[in-house]
Amino acid sequence: MKIHEYQGKAILREYGVPCPTGTSPTRPGRPRRSRRKLGGKVVVKAQVHAGGRGKAGGVKLVDDPAAAEAAAKQILA
């Protein structure tokens, strides 16, 4: 079975397993709002069915809303 990280977290939460809070923005501008909502440092990740997304540039640690939006645009490009 192939599922994305956010889908796996949803399944785990159904069974009471604690998981880090996250969002799954689907439109431009949403990463910025998600970063504001979560606060602190956040990780912007590509949701793909493949290994090595970090080595391929699909995982970015960001400090502020503008950086979250820029990272998401870079990953989507």
Protein backbone atom coordinates (compact mmCIF):
# COMPACT_ATOMS: atom_id res chain seq x y z
CA MET A 1 0.00 0.00 0.00
CA LYS A 2 1.35 3.44 -0.89
CA ILE A 3 0.14 6.37 1.17
CA HIS A 4 1.44 9.87 1.76
CA GLU A 5 2.84 10.95 5.11
CA TYR A 6 -0.24 13.04 5.98
CA GLN A 7 -2.49 10.04 5.24
CA GLY A 8 -0.39 7.80 7.47
CA LYS A 9 -0.61 10.33 10.30
CA ALA A 10 -4.40 10.43 9.96
CA ILE A 11 -4.59 6.63 10.28
CA LEU A 12 -2.27 6.63 13.30
CA ARG A 13 -4.32 9.37 15.01
CA GLU A 14 -7.48 7.27 14.59
CA TYR A 15 -5.81 4.70 16.85
CA GLY A 16 -4.64 7.24 19.41
CA VAL A 17 -1.00 7.40 18.34
CA PRO A 18 0.43 10.89 19.01
CA CYS A 19 1.71 12.55 15.82
CA PRO A 20 3.26 15.96 15.14
CA THR A 21 0.82 18.63 14.01
CA GLY A 22 0.90 19.44 10.32
CA THR A 23 -1.07 20.82 7.40
CA SER A 24 -1.32 19.85 3.75
CA PRO A 25 -1.58 23.06 1.70
CA THR A 26 -2.92 22.49 -1.79
CA ARG A 27 -2.94 26.01 -3.30
CA PRO A 28 -0.46 28.90 -3.71
CA GLY A 29 -0.22 31.06 -0.59
CA ARG A 30 -1.34 28.26 1.72
CA PRO A 31 2.19 27.35 2.93
CA ARG A 32 2.55 30.90 4.30
CA ARG A 33 -0.76 30.61 6.23
CA SER A 34 0.14 27.12 7.44
CA ARG A 35 3.48 28.36 8.77
CA ARG A 36 1.73 31.18 10.67
CA LYS A 37 -0.72 28.69 12.16
CA LEU A 38 1.96 26.23 13.30
CA GLY A 39 4.52 28.81 14.47
CA GLY A 40 8.22 28.24 15.12
CA LYS A 41 10.40 26.38 12.65
CA VAL A 42 8.52 24.14 10.26
CA VAL A 43 9.46 21.62 7.59
CA VAL A 44 8.02 21.94 4.07
CA LYS A 45 7.92 18.50 2.44
CA ALA A 46 7.01 17.17 -0.98
CA GLN A 47 4.34 14.47 -0.71
CA VAL A 48 5.53 11.84 -3.20
CA HIS A 49 5.56 8.05 -3.36
CA ALA A 50 9.32 7.80 -3.64
CA GLY A 51 12.30 7.45 -1.38
CA GLY A 52 15.05 10.01 -1.08
CA ARG A 53 12.89 13.13 -1.20
CA GLY A 54 15.32 14.87 1.19
CA LYS A 55 18.29 14.20 -1.10
CA ALA A 56 16.23 15.39 -4.07
CA GLY A 57 15.43 18.74 -2.41
CA GLY A 58 11.89 17.79 -1.36
CA VAL A 59 12.38 18.62 2.34
CA LYS A 60 13.09 22.20 3.51
CA LEU A 61 13.41 23.57 7.09
CA VAL A 62 12.09 27.16 7.25
CA ASP A 63 11.88 29.89 9.90
CA ASP A 64 9.20 32.27 8.65
CA PRO A 65 6.03 32.43 6.48
CA ALA A 66 7.79 33.92 3.45
CA ALA A 67 10.41 31.16 3.53
CA ALA A 68 7.66 28.52 3.74
CA GLU A 69 6.00 29.91 0.62
CA ALA A 70 9.34 30.16 -1.24
CA ALA A 71 10.25 26.57 -0.29
CA ALA A 72 6.88 25.28 -1.47
CA LYS A 73 7.26 27.10 -4.82
CA GLN A 74 10.76 25.66 -5.25
CA ILE A 75 9.56 22.13 -4.50
CA LEU A 76 6.61 22.48 -6.89
CA ALA A 77 8.84 23.85 -9.67
